[in-house]
Amino acid sequence: MICGALLSQILKRLGLADYIDRPTISRIAGVALDFLVCSAIAITLFQKSLHCI
């Protein structure tokens, strides 16, 4: 969230804030959350498989 706020401020100062709207931000956040959950599950499964070896 901190990076999103920082990026928002940078885009405002560059005059590019008009190109980013709320639905776009929501989609990007949703995809990022999906990747985060998938990677957490994959790491957990990988660590459990290492304990079995």
N, C-alpha and C. Protein backbone atom coordinates (compact mmCIF):
# COMPACT_ATOMS: atom_id res chain seq x y z
N MET A 1 0.82 -1.19 0.00
CA MET A 1 0.00 0.00 0.00
C MET A 1 0.86 1.25 0.00
N ILE A 2 1.98 1.16 0.66
CA ILE A 2 2.88 2.32 0.69
C ILE A 2 3.41 2.60 -0.70
N CYS A 3 3.75 1.55 -1.43
CA CYS A 3 4.24 1.74 -2.80
C CYS A 3 3.16 2.32 -3.69
N GLY A 4 1.91 1.91 -3.48
CA GLY A 4 0.80 2.46 -4.26
C GLY A 4 0.62 3.94 -4.01
N ALA A 5 0.72 4.35 -2.75
CA ALA A 5 0.60 5.77 -2.42
C ALA A 5 1.76 6.57 -3.02
N LEU A 6 2.94 6.00 -2.95
CA LEU A 6 4.12 6.66 -3.52
C LEU A 6 3.99 6.78 -5.04
N LEU A 7 3.55 5.71 -5.68
CA LEU A 7 3.36 5.74 -7.13
C LEU A 7 2.29 6.75 -7.52
N SER A 8 1.25 6.84 -6.74
CA SER A 8 0.19 7.80 -7.01
C SER A 8 0.73 9.23 -6.96
N GLN A 9 1.54 9.53 -5.97
CA GLN A 9 2.12 10.87 -5.86
C GLN A 9 3.06 11.18 -7.02
N ILE A 10 3.84 10.20 -7.43
CA ILE A 10 4.75 10.39 -8.56
C ILE A 10 3.97 10.66 -9.83
N LEU A 11 2.90 9.89 -10.06
CA LEU A 11 2.09 10.08 -11.26
C LEU A 11 1.41 11.45 -11.25
N LYS A 12 0.98 11.90 -10.09
CA LYS A 12 0.37 13.23 -10.00
C LYS A 12 1.36 14.32 -10.36
N ARG A 13 2.58 14.20 -9.86
CA ARG A 13 3.61 15.22 -10.13
C ARG A 13 4.04 15.22 -11.60
N LEU A 14 3.99 14.05 -12.23
CA LEU A 14 4.36 13.96 -13.64
C LEU A 14 3.21 14.31 -14.58
N GLY A 15 2.02 14.50 -13.99
CA GLY A 15 0.86 14.82 -14.81
C GLY A 15 0.24 13.63 -15.50
N LEU A 16 0.52 12.44 -15.00
CA LEU A 16 0.00 11.22 -15.61
C LEU A 16 -1.13 10.58 -14.81
N ALA A 17 -1.59 11.25 -13.78
CA ALA A 17 -2.61 10.67 -12.90
C ALA A 17 -3.94 10.49 -13.62
N ASP A 18 -4.19 11.25 -14.67
CA ASP A 18 -5.46 11.12 -15.39
C ASP A 18 -5.58 9.80 -16.15
N TYR A 19 -4.46 9.13 -16.39
CA TYR A 19 -4.49 7.88 -17.13
C TYR A 19 -4.78 6.66 -16.25
N ILE A 20 -4.73 6.84 -14.95
CA ILE A 20 -4.97 5.75 -14.01
C ILE A 20 -6.30 6.00 -13.30
N ASP A 21 -7.21 5.03 -13.40
CA ASP A 21 -8.51 5.18 -12.74
C ASP A 21 -8.69 4.07 -11.69
N ARG A 22 -9.72 4.17 -10.89
CA ARG A 22 -9.96 3.24 -9.79
C ARG A 22 -10.13 1.79 -10.26
N PRO A 23 -10.90 1.51 -11.32
CA PRO A 23 -11.02 0.11 -11.76
C PRO A 23 -9.68 -0.51 -12.17
N THR A 24 -8.82 0.29 -12.79
CA THR A 24 -7.51 -0.23 -13.18
C THR A 24 -6.69 -0.57 -11.96
N ILE A 25 -6.69 0.29 -10.97
CA ILE A 25 -5.95 0.05 -9.74
C ILE A 25 -6.50 -1.20 -9.04
N SER A 26 -7.81 -1.37 -9.03
CA SER A 26 -8.42 -2.54 -8.40
C SER A 26 -8.01 -3.83 -9.11
N ARG A 27 -7.96 -3.80 -10.41
CA ARG A 27 -7.54 -4.99 -11.17
C ARG A 27 -6.08 -5.33 -10.89
N ILE A 28 -5.24 -4.33 -10.88
CA ILE A 28 -3.81 -4.55 -10.61
C ILE A 28 -3.63 -5.10 -9.20
N ALA A 29 -4.35 -4.55 -8.24
CA ALA A 29 -4.25 -5.03 -6.85
C ALA A 29 -4.76 -6.47 -6.74
N GLY A 30 -5.81 -6.80 -7.46
CA GLY A 30 -6.35 -8.16 -7.43
C GLY A 30 -5.37 -9.17 -8.00
N VAL A 31 -4.75 -8.83 -9.10
CA VAL A 31 -3.76 -9.73 -9.71
C VAL A 31 -2.55 -9.89 -8.79
N ALA A 32 -2.10 -8.80 -8.19
CA ALA A 32 -0.96 -8.87 -7.27
C ALA A 32 -1.29 -9.75 -6.07
N LEU A 33 -2.50 -9.65 -5.55
CA LEU A 33 -2.90 -10.48 -4.42
C LEU A 33 -2.97 -11.95 -4.83
N ASP A 34 -3.47 -12.23 -6.02
CA ASP A 34 -3.51 -13.61 -6.52
C ASP A 34 -2.11 -14.21 -6.59
N PHE A 35 -1.16 -13.46 -7.12
CA PHE A 35 0.21 -13.94 -7.20
C PHE A 35 0.80 -14.16 -5.81
N LEU A 36 0.49 -13.28 -4.89
CA LEU A 36 0.99 -13.41 -3.53
C LEU A 36 0.47 -14.68 -2.86
N VAL A 37 -0.81 -14.95 -3.00
CA VAL A 37 -1.40 -16.14 -2.40
C VAL A 37 -0.84 -17.40 -3.05
N CYS A 38 -0.75 -17.42 -4.36
CA CYS A 38 -0.21 -18.59 -5.06
C CYS A 38 1.23 -18.87 -4.68
N SER A 39 2.04 -17.84 -4.57
CA SER A 39 3.44 -18.05 -4.20
C SER A 39 3.57 -18.51 -2.76
N ALA A 40 2.72 -18.01 -1.87
CA ALA A 40 2.76 -18.46 -0.47
C ALA A 40 2.38 -19.93 -0.37
N ILE A 41 1.38 -20.35 -1.11
CA ILE A 41 0.99 -21.76 -1.11
C ILE A 41 2.10 -22.63 -1.69
N ALA A 42 2.70 -22.18 -2.77
CA ALA A 42 3.77 -22.95 -3.41
C ALA A 42 4.97 -23.09 -2.49
N ILE A 43 5.33 -22.04 -1.79
CA ILE A 43 6.48 -22.10 -0.88
C ILE A 43 6.19 -23.04 0.27
N THR A 44 4.95 -22.98 0.80
CA THR A 44 4.58 -23.87 1.90
C THR A 44 4.64 -25.33 1.46
N LEU A 45 4.11 -25.63 0.29
CA LEU A 45 4.15 -27.01 -0.21
C LEU A 45 5.58 -27.47 -0.47
N PHE A 46 6.41 -26.57 -0.97
CA PHE A 46 7.81 -26.89 -1.25
C PHE A 46 8.56 -27.19 0.05
N GLN A 47 8.33 -26.37 1.07
CA GLN A 47 9.00 -26.60 2.35
C GLN A 47 8.56 -27.91 2.99
N LYS A 48 7.28 -28.23 2.88
CA LYS A 48 6.80 -29.49 3.43
C LYS A 48 7.38 -30.68 2.67
N SER A 49 7.57 -30.54 1.37
CA SER A 49 8.15 -31.65 0.59
C SER A 49 9.62 -31.85 0.93
N LEU A 50 10.33 -30.77 1.31
CA LEU A 50 11.73 -30.90 1.71
C LEU A 50 11.86 -31.66 3.03
N HIS A 51 10.90 -31.50 3.93
CA HIS A 51 10.94 -32.21 5.20
C HIS A 51 10.73 -33.71 5.01
N CYS A 52 10.05 -34.09 3.95
CA CYS A 52 9.80 -35.51 3.69
C CYS A 52 11.02 -36.22 3.11
N ILE A 53 11.93 -35.46 2.55
CA ILE A 53 13.10 -36.05 1.88
C ILE A 53 14.16 -36.40 2.90
